[in-house]
C-alpha atoms as a PDB file:
ATOM      1  CA  UNK A   1     240.300  42.242-284.043  1.00  0.00           C
ATOM      2  CA  UNK A   2     240.498  42.527-280.252  1.00  0.00           C
ATOM      3  CA  UNK A   3     238.002  40.653-278.101  1.00  0.00           C
ATOM      4  CA  UNK A   4     235.859  42.777-275.800  1.00  0.00           C
ATOM      5  CA  UNK A   5     237.034  42.587-272.199  1.00  0.00           C
ATOM      6  CA  UNK A   6     234.644  41.379-269.541  1.00  0.00           C
ATOM      7  CA  UNK A   7     234.179  44.198-267.042  1.00  0.00           C
ATOM      8  CA  UNK A   8     233.172  43.307-263.513  1.00  0.00           C
ATOM      9  CA  UNK A   9     230.599  45.606-261.959  1.00  0.00           C
ATOM     10  CA  UNK A  10     229.282  46.177-258.461  1.00  0.00           C
ATOM     11  CA  UNK A  11     226.238  44.064-257.812  1.00  0.00           C
ATOM     12  CA  UNK A  12     223.845  43.262-255.025  1.00  0.00           C
ATOM     13  CA  UNK A  13     224.170  39.838-253.421  1.00  0.00           C
ATOM     14  CA  UNK A  14     220.705  38.430-252.775  1.00  0.00           C
ATOM     15  CA  UNK A  15     220.264  35.361-250.594  1.00  0.00           C
ATOM     16  CA  UNK A  16     216.869  33.797-249.860  1.00  0.00           C
ATOM     17  CA  UNK A  17     215.150  36.869-251.274  1.00  0.00           C
ATOM     18  CA  UNK A  18     217.042  39.400-249.134  1.00  0.00           C
ATOM     19  CA  UNK A  19     219.898  41.651-250.090  1.00  0.00           C
ATOM     20  CA  UNK A  20     222.688  40.601-247.739  1.00  0.00           C
ATOM     21  CA  UNK A  21     225.622  42.410-249.275  1.00  0.00           C
ATOM     22  CA  UNK A  22     227.361  43.917-252.254  1.00  0.00           C
ATOM     23  CA  UNK A  23     230.024  42.364-254.482  1.00  0.00           C
ATOM     24  CA  UNK A  24     232.624  44.987-255.448  1.00  0.00           C
ATOM     25  CA  UNK A  25     235.280  44.258-258.091  1.00  0.00           C
ATOM     26  CA  UNK A  26     238.854  44.399-256.758  1.00  0.00           C
ATOM     27  CA  UNK A  27     241.709  43.319-259.039  1.00  0.00           C
ATOM     28  CA  UNK A  28     239.762  40.653-260.985  1.00  0.00           C
ATOM     29  CA  UNK A  29     238.063  39.330-257.829  1.00  0.00           C
ATOM     30  CA  UNK A  30     234.974  40.312-255.868  1.00  0.00           C
ATOM     31  CA  UNK A  31     235.087  41.793-252.377  1.00  0.00           C
ATOM     32  CA  UNK A  32     231.978  41.017-250.340  1.00  0.00           C
ATOM     33  CA  UNK A  33     230.638  43.950-248.341  1.00  0.00           C
ATOM     34  CA  UNK A  34     228.051  42.701-245.837  1.00  0.00           C
ATOM     35  CA  UNK A  35     224.910  44.756-245.190  1.00  0.00           C
ATOM     36  CA  UNK A  36     223.234  42.211-242.876  1.00  0.00           C
ATOM     37  CA  UNK A  37     224.527  41.308-239.440  1.00  0.00           C
ATOM     38  CA  UNK A  38     224.074  37.543-239.930  1.00  0.00           C
ATOM     39  CA  UNK A  39     226.783  37.544-242.652  1.00  0.00           C
ATOM     40  CA  UNK A  40     229.112  40.149-241.118  1.00  0.00           C
ATOM     41  CA  UNK A  41     231.823  37.506-240.576  1.00  0.00           C
ATOM     42  CA  UNK A  42     232.212  37.319-244.375  1.00  0.00           C
ATOM     43  CA  UNK A  43     232.671  41.085-244.725  1.00  0.00           C
ATOM     44  CA  UNK A  44     235.673  42.149-246.843  1.00  0.00           C
ATOM     45  CA  UNK A  45     236.510  38.599-247.971  1.00  0.00           C
ATOM     46  CA  UNK A  46     237.554  38.141-251.589  1.00  0.00           C
ATOM     47  CA  UNK A  47     235.835  35.659-253.899  1.00  0.00           C
ATOM     48  CA  UNK A  48     236.122  34.711-257.564  1.00  0.00           C
ATOM     49  CA  UNK A  49     232.388  34.655-258.359  1.00  0.00           C
ATOM     50  CA  UNK A  50     229.022  35.638-256.906  1.00  0.00           C
ATOM     51  CA  UNK A  51     228.185  31.928-256.840  1.00  0.00           C
ATOM     52  CA  UNK A  52     231.193  31.418-254.550  1.00  0.00           C
ATOM     53  CA  UNK A  53     229.911  34.231-252.305  1.00  0.00           C
ATOM     54  CA  UNK A  54     226.475  32.589-252.071  1.00  0.00           C
ATOM     55  CA  UNK A  55     228.083  29.226-251.277  1.00  0.00           C
ATOM     56  CA  UNK A  56     230.112  30.833-248.470  1.00  0.00           C
ATOM     57  CA  UNK A  57     226.938  32.457-247.111  1.00  0.00           C
ATOM     58  CA  UNK A  58     225.139  29.094-247.122  1.00  0.00           C
ATOM     59  CA  UNK A  59     228.021  27.415-245.288  1.00  0.00           C
ATOM     60  CA  UNK A  60     228.357  30.299-242.827  1.00  0.00           C
ATOM     61  CA  UNK A  61     224.667  30.353-241.948  1.00  0.00           C
ATOM     62  CA  UNK A  62     224.576  26.554-241.597  1.00  0.00           C
ATOM     63  CA  UNK A  63     227.547  26.594-239.228  1.00  0.00           C
ATOM     64  CA  UNK A  64     226.007  29.490-237.270  1.00  0.00           C
ATOM     65  CA  UNK A  65     222.782  27.509-236.884  1.00  0.00           C
ATOM     66  CA  UNK A  66     224.734  24.469-235.616  1.00  0.00           C
ATOM     67  CA  UNK A  67     226.613  26.646-233.110  1.00  0.00           C
ATOM     68  CA  UNK A  68     223.350  28.064-231.746  1.00  0.00           C
ATOM     69  CA  UNK A  69     221.758  24.612-231.476  1.00  0.00           C
ATOM     70  CA  UNK A  70     224.783  23.102-229.686  1.00  0.00           C
ATOM     71  CA  UNK A  71     224.780  25.733-226.913  1.00  0.00           C
END
């Protein structure tokens, strides 16, 4: 009997209670489509999981905050 295949679906990416983008399946990966300006630098990047997308958002926002503070 064949195992059911896991099908990736489009899903909203929520960060700190706000929808910041959409994860769209592309060849067994997820393409991040940004809908908020503060994460636009991550737009169109490919990730393996939504957790990886959220981690990248955390790192991006932290580095953006440091850049603003240092200027």
